[in-house]
């Protein structure tokens, strides 16, 4: 049953459901199709034969239609599908011959899991003294209030 009180949520849910049933190549086509006026142009732009695209199930056409209404769902779907591959690339950096790269990757992974180390910031005035705060050009006290 459609959620009539929130049609945007309903569209997002429908698109997510359709995208889950597609292959990665089909999702790539759905994204490309948003930029081209024909299936042929979109297929060729991602290195696919148009005949392949023409034989795909109606779910692909549905995804193209719905994505025109909600591209953000498709972007999130692609990000989620690519996360494991991206993590493999990141972790591979731990085996690099470059010490600096290994250190940066290690720090980044540690901070993702454990959070950044606590960093304190001290704000002081001139020569470490007390911080002096003064109001400058405060129209509320100058009589220049344009509302009066």
C-alpha atoms as a PDB file:
ATOM      1  CA  UNK A   1       0.000   0.000   0.000  1.00  0.00           C
ATOM      2  CA  UNK A   2       1.391   3.419  -0.931  1.00  0.00           C
ATOM      3  CA  UNK A   3       2.152   5.946   1.732  1.00  0.00           C
ATOM      4  CA  UNK A   4      -0.150   8.761   0.602  1.00  0.00           C
ATOM      5  CA  UNK A   5       0.855  11.064   3.438  1.00  0.00           C
ATOM      6  CA  UNK A   6       4.454  11.172   2.197  1.00  0.00           C
ATOM      7  CA  UNK A   7       4.688  10.572  -1.570  1.00  0.00           C
ATOM      8  CA  UNK A   8       8.456  11.310  -1.632  1.00  0.00           C
ATOM      9  CA  UNK A   9       9.082   8.498   0.876  1.00  0.00           C
ATOM     10  CA  UNK A  10       6.911   6.182  -1.216  1.00  0.00           C
ATOM     11  CA  UNK A  11       8.905   7.006  -4.375  1.00  0.00           C
ATOM     12  CA  UNK A  12      12.204   6.483  -2.537  1.00  0.00           C
ATOM     13  CA  UNK A  13      11.054   3.133  -1.175  1.00  0.00           C
ATOM     14  CA  UNK A  14       9.876   2.002  -4.606  1.00  0.00           C
ATOM     15  CA  UNK A  15      13.154   3.026  -6.256  1.00  0.00           C
ATOM     16  CA  UNK A  16      15.212   1.286  -3.576  1.00  0.00           C
ATOM     17  CA  UNK A  17      13.179  -1.896  -4.066  1.00  0.00           C
ATOM     18  CA  UNK A  18      13.630  -1.794  -7.861  1.00  0.00           C
ATOM     19  CA  UNK A  19      17.371  -1.046  -7.640  1.00  0.00           C
ATOM     20  CA  UNK A  20      17.908  -4.049  -5.353  1.00  0.00           C
ATOM     21  CA  UNK A  21      16.702  -6.304  -8.167  1.00  0.00           C
ATOM     22  CA  UNK A  22      19.126  -4.904 -10.778  1.00  0.00           C
ATOM     23  CA  UNK A  23      22.669  -5.880 -11.667  1.00  0.00           C
ATOM     24  CA  UNK A  24      25.469  -3.342 -11.280  1.00  0.00           C
ATOM     25  CA  UNK A  25      25.551  -2.820 -15.083  1.00  0.00           C
ATOM     26  CA  UNK A  26      21.828  -2.147 -15.047  1.00  0.00           C
ATOM     27  CA  UNK A  27      22.242   0.413 -12.257  1.00  0.00           C
ATOM     28  CA  UNK A  28      25.061   2.061 -14.248  1.00  0.00           C
ATOM     29  CA  UNK A  29      22.694   2.278 -17.219  1.00  0.00           C
ATOM     30  CA  UNK A  30      19.915   3.769 -15.074  1.00  0.00           C
ATOM     31  CA  UNK A  31      22.299   6.506 -13.938  1.00  0.00           C
ATOM     32  CA  UNK A  32      23.623   7.141 -17.459  1.00  0.00           C
ATOM     33  CA  UNK A  33      20.102   7.218 -18.882  1.00  0.00           C
ATOM     34  CA  UNK A  34      19.378  10.359 -16.870  1.00  0.00           C
ATOM     35  CA  UNK A  35      21.939  12.230 -18.994  1.00  0.00           C
ATOM     36  CA  UNK A  36      20.904  11.022 -22.456  1.00  0.00           C
ATOM     37  CA  UNK A  37      17.711  11.260 -24.467  1.00  0.00           C
ATOM     38  CA  UNK A  38      17.836   7.689 -25.806  1.00  0.00           C
ATOM     39  CA  UNK A  39      18.599   4.225 -24.447  1.00  0.00           C
ATOM     40  CA  UNK A  40      21.126   3.763 -27.260  1.00  0.00           C
ATOM     41  CA  UNK A  41      23.144   6.836 -26.269  1.00  0.00           C
ATOM     42  CA  UNK A  42      23.113   5.875 -22.592  1.00  0.00           C
ATOM     43  CA  UNK A  43      24.179   2.285 -23.338  1.00  0.00           C
ATOM     44  CA  UNK A  44      27.050   3.393 -25.562  1.00  0.00           C
ATOM     45  CA  UNK A  45      28.193   5.947 -22.974  1.00  0.00           C
ATOM     46  CA  UNK A  46      28.902   3.129 -20.506  1.00  0.00           C
ATOM     47  CA  UNK A  47      30.407   0.790 -23.107  1.00  0.00           C
ATOM     48  CA  UNK A  48      27.385  -1.472 -23.548  1.00  0.00           C
ATOM     49  CA  UNK A  49      25.655  -2.615 -26.716  1.00  0.00           C
ATOM     50  CA  UNK A  50      22.197  -1.095 -27.149  1.00  0.00           C
ATOM     51  CA  UNK A  51      20.777  -4.547 -27.999  1.00  0.00           C
ATOM     52  CA  UNK A  52      21.731  -5.722 -24.507  1.00  0.00           C
ATOM     53  CA  UNK A  53      19.822  -2.868 -22.913  1.00  0.00           C
ATOM     54  CA  UNK A  54      16.769  -3.443 -25.120  1.00  0.00           C
ATOM     55  CA  UNK A  55      16.461  -7.010 -23.787  1.00  0.00           C
ATOM     56  CA  UNK A  56      16.543  -6.052 -20.112  1.00  0.00           C
ATOM     57  CA  UNK A  57      13.432  -6.525 -17.942  1.00  0.00           C
ATOM     58  CA  UNK A  58      10.852  -3.792 -17.384  1.00  0.00           C
ATOM     59  CA  UNK A  59      12.320  -3.212 -13.917  1.00  0.00           C
ATOM     60  CA  UNK A  60      15.183  -1.307 -15.576  1.00  0.00           C
ATOM     61  CA  UNK A  61      12.730   1.002 -17.355  1.00  0.00           C
ATOM     62  CA  UNK A  62      10.874   1.445 -14.075  1.00  0.00           C
ATOM     63  CA  UNK A  63      14.108   2.433 -12.341  1.00  0.00           C
ATOM     64  CA  UNK A  64      14.876   4.985 -15.081  1.00  0.00           C
ATOM     65  CA  UNK A  65      11.412   6.514 -14.683  1.00  0.00           C
ATOM     66  CA  UNK A  66      11.502   6.590 -10.882  1.00  0.00           C
ATOM     67  CA  UNK A  67      15.083   7.851 -10.702  1.00  0.00           C
ATOM     68  CA  UNK A  68      14.033  10.927 -12.613  1.00  0.00           C
ATOM     69  CA  UNK A  69      11.981  11.665  -9.492  1.00  0.00           C
ATOM     70  CA  UNK A  70      14.622  10.682  -6.891  1.00  0.00           C
ATOM     71  CA  UNK A  71      18.286  10.478  -7.919  1.00  0.00           C
ATOM     72  CA  UNK A  72      19.526  10.622  -4.323  1.00  0.00           C
ATOM     73  CA  UNK A  73      18.283   7.092  -3.605  1.00  0.00           C
ATOM     74  CA  UNK A  74      20.254   5.773  -6.584  1.00  0.00           C
ATOM     75  CA  UNK A  75      23.408   7.563  -5.446  1.00  0.00           C
ATOM     76  CA  UNK A  76      23.090   6.025  -1.967  1.00  0.00           C
ATOM     77  CA  UNK A  77      22.457   2.607  -3.480  1.00  0.00           C
ATOM     78  CA  UNK A  78      25.629   2.839  -5.602  1.00  0.00           C
ATOM     79  CA  UNK A  79      27.624   4.031  -2.598  1.00  0.00           C
ATOM     80  CA  UNK A  80      26.408   1.101  -0.506  1.00  0.00           C
ATOM     81  CA  UNK A  81      27.232  -1.396  -3.280  1.00  0.00           C
ATOM     82  CA  UNK A  82      30.724   0.088  -3.658  1.00  0.00           C
ATOM     83  CA  UNK A  83      31.614   0.285   0.029  1.00  0.00           C
ATOM     84  CA  UNK A  84      33.285  -3.138   0.306  1.00  0.00           C
ATOM     85  CA  UNK A  85      35.387  -2.519  -2.813  1.00  0.00           C
ATOM     86  CA  UNK A  86      36.401   0.907  -1.520  1.00  0.00           C
ATOM     87  CA  UNK A  87      37.414  -0.590   1.831  1.00  0.00           C
ATOM     88  CA  UNK A  88      39.607  -3.171   0.068  1.00  0.00           C
ATOM     89  CA  UNK A  89      41.405  -0.351  -1.738  1.00  0.00           C
ATOM     90  CA  UNK A  90      41.840   1.577   1.526  1.00  0.00           C
ATOM     91  CA  UNK A  91      43.135  -1.446   3.466  1.00  0.00           C
ATOM     92  CA  UNK A  92      45.550  -2.304   0.641  1.00  0.00           C
ATOM     93  CA  UNK A  93      47.292   0.950   1.538  1.00  0.00           C
ATOM     94  CA  UNK A  94      48.462  -0.741   4.754  1.00  0.00           C
ATOM     95  CA  UNK A  95      50.745  -2.934   2.598  1.00  0.00           C
ATOM     96  CA  UNK A  96      52.280  -0.042   0.670  1.00  0.00           C
ATOM     97  CA  UNK A  97      56.060   0.405   0.487  1.00  0.00           C
ATOM     98  CA  UNK A  98      55.511   4.096   1.274  1.00  0.00           C
ATOM     99  CA  UNK A  99      55.776   4.579   5.068  1.00  0.00           C
ATOM    100  CA  UNK A 100      53.848   7.867   4.951  1.00  0.00           C
ATOM    101  CA  UNK A 101      50.968   6.295   3.053  1.00  0.00           C
ATOM    102  CA  UNK A 102      50.831   3.336   5.478  1.00  0.00           C
ATOM    103  CA  UNK A 103      50.749   5.732   8.427  1.00  0.00           C
ATOM    104  CA  UNK A 104      47.949   7.856   6.909  1.00  0.00           C
ATOM    105  CA  UNK A 105      45.831   4.805   6.065  1.00  0.00           C
ATOM    106  CA  UNK A 106      46.385   3.275   9.487  1.00  0.00           C
ATOM    107  CA  UNK A 107      45.430   6.525  11.214  1.00  0.00           C
ATOM    108  CA  UNK A 108      42.324   6.905   9.093  1.00  0.00           C
ATOM    109  CA  UNK A 109      41.105   3.364   9.776  1.00  0.00           C
ATOM    110  CA  UNK A 110      41.825   3.681  13.507  1.00  0.00           C
ATOM    111  CA  UNK A 111      39.934   6.981  13.662  1.00  0.00           C
ATOM    112  CA  UNK A 112      36.931   5.483  11.841  1.00  0.00           C
ATOM    113  CA  UNK A 113      36.721   2.716  14.422  1.00  0.00           C
ATOM    114  CA  UNK A 114      37.823   4.445  17.613  1.00  0.00           C
ATOM    115  CA  UNK A 115      37.292   8.127  16.908  1.00  0.00           C
ATOM    116  CA  UNK A 116      39.904  10.837  16.809  1.00  0.00           C
ATOM    117  CA  UNK A 117      42.177  11.346  19.760  1.00  0.00           C
ATOM    118  CA  UNK A 118      41.038  14.120  22.095  1.00  0.00           C
ATOM    119  CA  UNK A 119      42.490  17.449  21.052  1.00  0.00           C
ATOM    120  CA  UNK A 120      42.324  20.480  23.276  1.00  0.00           C
ATOM    121  CA  UNK A 121      42.364  24.078  22.158  1.00  0.00           C
ATOM    122  CA  UNK A 122      43.264  26.882  24.510  1.00  0.00           C
ATOM    123  CA  UNK A 123      42.254  30.414  23.657  1.00  0.00           C
ATOM    124  CA  UNK A 124      44.010  33.202  25.509  1.00  0.00           C
ATOM    125  CA  UNK A 125      44.516  36.878  25.128  1.00  0.00           C
ATOM    126  CA  UNK A 126      47.701  38.742  24.381  1.00  0.00           C
ATOM    127  CA  UNK A 127      50.850  37.176  25.931  1.00  0.00           C
ATOM    128  CA  UNK A 128      48.764  34.325  27.419  1.00  0.00           C
ATOM    129  CA  UNK A 129      46.624  36.656  29.496  1.00  0.00           C
ATOM    130  CA  UNK A 130      42.887  36.787  29.838  1.00  0.00           C
ATOM    131  CA  UNK A 131      40.858  37.021  26.676  1.00  0.00           C
ATOM    132  CA  UNK A 132      39.278  40.455  26.303  1.00  0.00           C
ATOM    133  CA  UNK A 133      35.902  40.589  24.595  1.00  0.00           C
ATOM    134  CA  UNK A 134      34.313  43.838  23.547  1.00  0.00           C
ATOM    135  CA  UNK A 135      31.342  44.716  21.378  1.00  0.00           C
ATOM    136  CA  UNK A 136      32.228  46.756  18.345  1.00  0.00           C
ATOM    137  CA  UNK A 137      29.709  48.620  16.175  1.00  0.00           C
ATOM    138  CA  UNK A 138      26.702  47.079  17.890  1.00  0.00           C
ATOM    139  CA  UNK A 139      23.734  48.861  16.245  1.00  0.00           C
ATOM    140  CA  UNK A 140      21.416  47.864  19.098  1.00  0.00           C
ATOM    141  CA  UNK A 141      23.217  50.308  21.401  1.00  0.00           C
ATOM    142  CA  UNK A 142      24.249  53.014  18.961  1.00  0.00           C
ATOM    143  CA  UNK A 143      20.842  54.467  18.198  1.00  0.00           C
ATOM    144  CA  UNK A 144      21.197  53.486  14.528  1.00  0.00           C
ATOM    145  CA  UNK A 145      18.450  50.899  14.687  1.00  0.00           C
ATOM    146  CA  UNK A 146      16.742  51.128  11.263  1.00  0.00           C
ATOM    147  CA  UNK A 147      13.479  49.878  12.798  1.00  0.00           C
ATOM    148  CA  UNK A 148      13.104  52.967  14.996  1.00  0.00           C
END
